[in-house]
Protein backbone atom coordinates (compact mmCIF):
# COMPACT_ATOMS: atom_id res chain seq x y z
CA MET A 1 -42.74 86.61 30.81
CA ALA A 2 -44.12 85.02 28.15
CA ARG A 3 -42.62 81.09 26.53
CA PHE A 4 -42.43 80.78 22.30
CA ARG A 5 -43.30 77.10 21.59
CA LYS A 6 -42.22 76.20 17.75
CA GLU A 7 -45.20 73.91 16.29
CA GLY A 8 -44.93 71.20 15.03
CA GLY A 9 -41.30 70.13 17.61
CA LYS A 10 -37.97 68.64 16.40
CA LYS A 11 -38.74 66.22 13.02
CA THR A 12 -35.84 64.06 12.23
CA PRO A 13 -34.68 64.43 8.19
CA LYS A 14 -35.21 60.78 6.17
CA ILE A 15 -31.87 59.30 5.06
CA ASN A 16 -31.79 58.90 1.43
CA THR A 17 -31.00 55.38 0.98
CA ALA A 18 -31.45 55.63 -3.14
CA SER A 19 -27.89 54.61 -3.29
CA LEU A 20 -27.73 52.27 -0.59
CA PRO A 21 -28.12 49.24 -3.43
CA ASP A 22 -25.09 50.77 -5.30
CA ILE A 23 -23.05 50.87 -2.44
CA ILE A 24 -23.96 46.57 -1.56
CA PHE A 25 -23.54 45.74 -5.35
CA MET A 26 -20.19 47.23 -4.78
CA LEU A 27 -19.20 45.88 -2.14
CA LEU A 28 -20.66 42.10 -2.74
CA PHE A 29 -18.05 43.06 -6.61
CA PHE A 30 -15.13 44.16 -4.35
CA PHE A 31 -15.48 40.80 -2.21
CA MET A 32 -16.13 38.33 -5.39
CA VAL A 33 -12.86 40.06 -6.71
CA THR A 34 -10.45 39.29 -4.02
CA THR A 35 -11.56 35.83 -2.31
CA VAL A 36 -9.95 32.99 -2.61
CA MET A 37 -12.30 29.75 -3.08
CA ARG A 38 -9.24 27.51 -3.39
CA GLU A 39 -5.78 27.71 -4.27
CA THR A 40 -4.89 24.20 -5.33
CA THR A 41 -6.72 21.52 -7.57
CA LEU A 42 -5.85 17.96 -6.15
CA PHE A 43 -4.63 15.78 -8.74
CA VAL A 44 -3.75 13.47 -5.59
CA ARG A 45 -5.91 11.75 -2.57
CA THR A 46 -5.51 13.04 1.06
CA SER A 47 -7.29 11.35 3.84
CA LEU A 48 -5.41 12.39 6.16
CA PRO A 49 -4.75 10.48 9.43
CA SER A 50 -5.94 11.80 12.69
CA ALA A 51 -3.91 12.81 16.01
CA THR A 52 -5.43 14.29 19.33
CA GLU A 53 -2.88 16.69 19.89
CA ILE A 54 -3.27 19.36 17.12
CA GLN A 55 -2.18 22.68 16.92
CA GLN A 56 -3.60 25.46 14.17
CA LEU A 57 -1.01 27.14 12.48
CA GLU A 58 -1.38 30.69 13.22
CA ARG A 59 -0.43 32.29 9.46
CA ARG A 60 -1.50 30.39 6.64
CA SER A 61 0.39 32.74 4.27
CA LEU A 62 3.57 31.54 5.42
CA VAL A 63 2.26 28.15 4.75
CA SER A 64 3.70 25.88 1.72
CA PHE A 65 1.56 22.46 0.62
CA ILE A 66 3.56 19.12 -0.85
CA TYR A 67 0.48 16.51 -1.17
CA ILE A 68 1.71 12.96 -1.43
CA GLY A 69 -0.55 9.90 -2.21
CA PRO A 70 -2.32 8.33 -4.85
CA PRO A 71 -3.22 9.51 -7.98
CA LEU A 72 -7.43 10.46 -7.97
CA GLN A 73 -6.64 9.06 -11.46
CA SER A 74 -5.55 5.87 -10.80
CA GLN A 75 -6.30 4.41 -14.74
CA VAL A 76 -4.25 7.09 -15.98
CA PHE A 77 -1.18 7.68 -13.43
CA GLY A 78 -0.95 4.55 -11.55
CA THR A 79 -1.68 3.58 -7.45
CA GLU A 80 1.61 4.25 -6.68
CA PRO A 81 1.82 7.18 -3.90
CA ARG A 82 3.39 10.40 -5.94
CA ILE A 83 3.76 13.96 -4.99
CA GLN A 84 1.61 17.33 -5.89
CA LEU A 85 3.04 20.39 -5.87
CA TYR A 86 0.55 23.59 -7.09
CA ASP A 87 -1.45 21.73 -9.61
CA ALA A 88 1.01 19.43 -11.12
CA PHE A 89 2.66 16.26 -10.58
CA ALA A 90 6.38 16.39 -9.26
CA SER A 91 9.45 14.67 -8.44
CA VAL A 92 11.63 15.18 -5.45
CA ASP A 93 14.37 16.97 -7.49
CA ASP A 94 11.35 19.52 -8.25
CA ILE A 95 11.34 20.56 -4.39
CA ALA A 96 14.05 22.90 -4.39
CA SER A 97 13.16 25.02 -7.27
CA PHE A 98 9.06 24.65 -5.00
CA ILE A 99 10.97 25.97 -1.94
CA GLU A 100 12.89 28.55 -3.63
CA SER A 101 9.47 30.42 -5.63
CA GLU A 102 8.28 30.21 -2.15
CA ARG A 103 10.48 31.46 -0.29
CA GLN A 104 10.63 34.52 -3.39
CA ALA A 105 7.11 34.98 -3.07
CA THR A 106 7.96 35.95 1.16
CA ALA A 107 8.66 39.12 1.45
CA GLU A 108 12.09 38.85 3.46
CA ALA A 109 11.55 39.54 7.45
CA GLU A 110 9.18 36.73 7.16
CA ARG A 111 11.32 33.55 5.42
CA PRO A 112 12.76 31.95 8.39
CA LEU A 113 8.72 31.75 9.58
CA MET A 114 8.02 29.76 6.24
CA THR A 115 6.38 26.57 6.90
CA THR A 116 6.51 23.55 4.49
CA SER A 117 2.97 21.32 5.36
CA LEU A 118 2.85 17.96 4.21
CA LYS A 119 -0.46 16.86 3.14
CA VAL A 120 0.04 12.68 3.34
CA ASP A 121 -2.61 10.03 2.54
CA ARG A 122 -2.81 7.85 5.38
CA GLY A 123 -1.74 4.73 3.88
CA THR A 124 1.25 5.94 1.79
CA ARG A 125 4.30 4.92 3.12
CA MET A 126 7.54 6.60 4.87
CA GLY A 127 9.85 6.17 2.09
CA ILE A 128 8.56 8.57 -0.44
CA VAL A 129 7.93 10.70 3.08
CA THR A 130 11.78 10.45 3.83
CA ASP A 131 12.66 11.83 -0.01
CA VAL A 132 11.07 14.67 0.80
CA LYS A 133 11.68 15.94 3.80
CA GLN A 134 15.87 15.39 2.89
CA GLU A 135 15.48 17.26 0.14
CA LEU A 136 13.67 20.27 2.43
CA ARG A 137 16.66 19.07 4.76
CA MET A 138 19.01 19.84 1.66
CA VAL A 139 17.72 23.59 0.73
CA ASN A 140 17.29 24.21 4.57
CA ALA A 141 13.63 24.41 4.45
CA LEU A 142 13.59 23.07 7.95
CA ARG A 143 10.34 24.03 9.77
CA VAL A 144 8.09 21.27 9.19
CA ASN A 145 4.72 20.09 9.93
CA TYR A 146 2.80 17.45 9.24
CA SER A 147 -1.56 18.15 8.63
CA THR A 148 -3.61 15.68 10.29
CA THR A 149 -7.23 15.70 11.30
CA ARG A 150 -8.67 15.97 15.01
CA GLY A 151 -9.88 12.55 16.27
CA GLU A 152 -9.23 9.61 18.42
CA VAL A 153 -5.99 7.49 17.80
CA ALA A 154 -6.65 3.69 17.06
CA GLY A 155 -4.88 1.95 20.24
CA ILE A 156 -4.54 5.58 22.35
CA ARG A 157 -7.53 6.66 24.72
């Protein structure tokens, strides 16, 4: 019996790459539109204290940040520590409406998991922080976190 062979064998067809740049630019545009670079413009200095035993928050979407520290523009706003909510200075009385708006923006099933993170400058006195914590208790925002940086605490080895 004779064997029949095909001349040239099997060749894989070439892939058409004409639309590849279009796909790349479409993906690039999608990620540029959906990525959030920075949520808040800081108007207060927050040189965070260091700590040795820290944990990272798992769900940042459920964290509301309150910034406390001296204003960056001390000539205009003075040197006393101020509270910043979103992109504006606020008073202790504004915290209740801030927490309520954060709760309304969150799904009802996830509301018990919401955390309020205090980013407080290391040179800030505890008086304003205590006032903020008292106001958080009044609106039943009991999951409070202090933001820190990883490092060695002075005096503890």
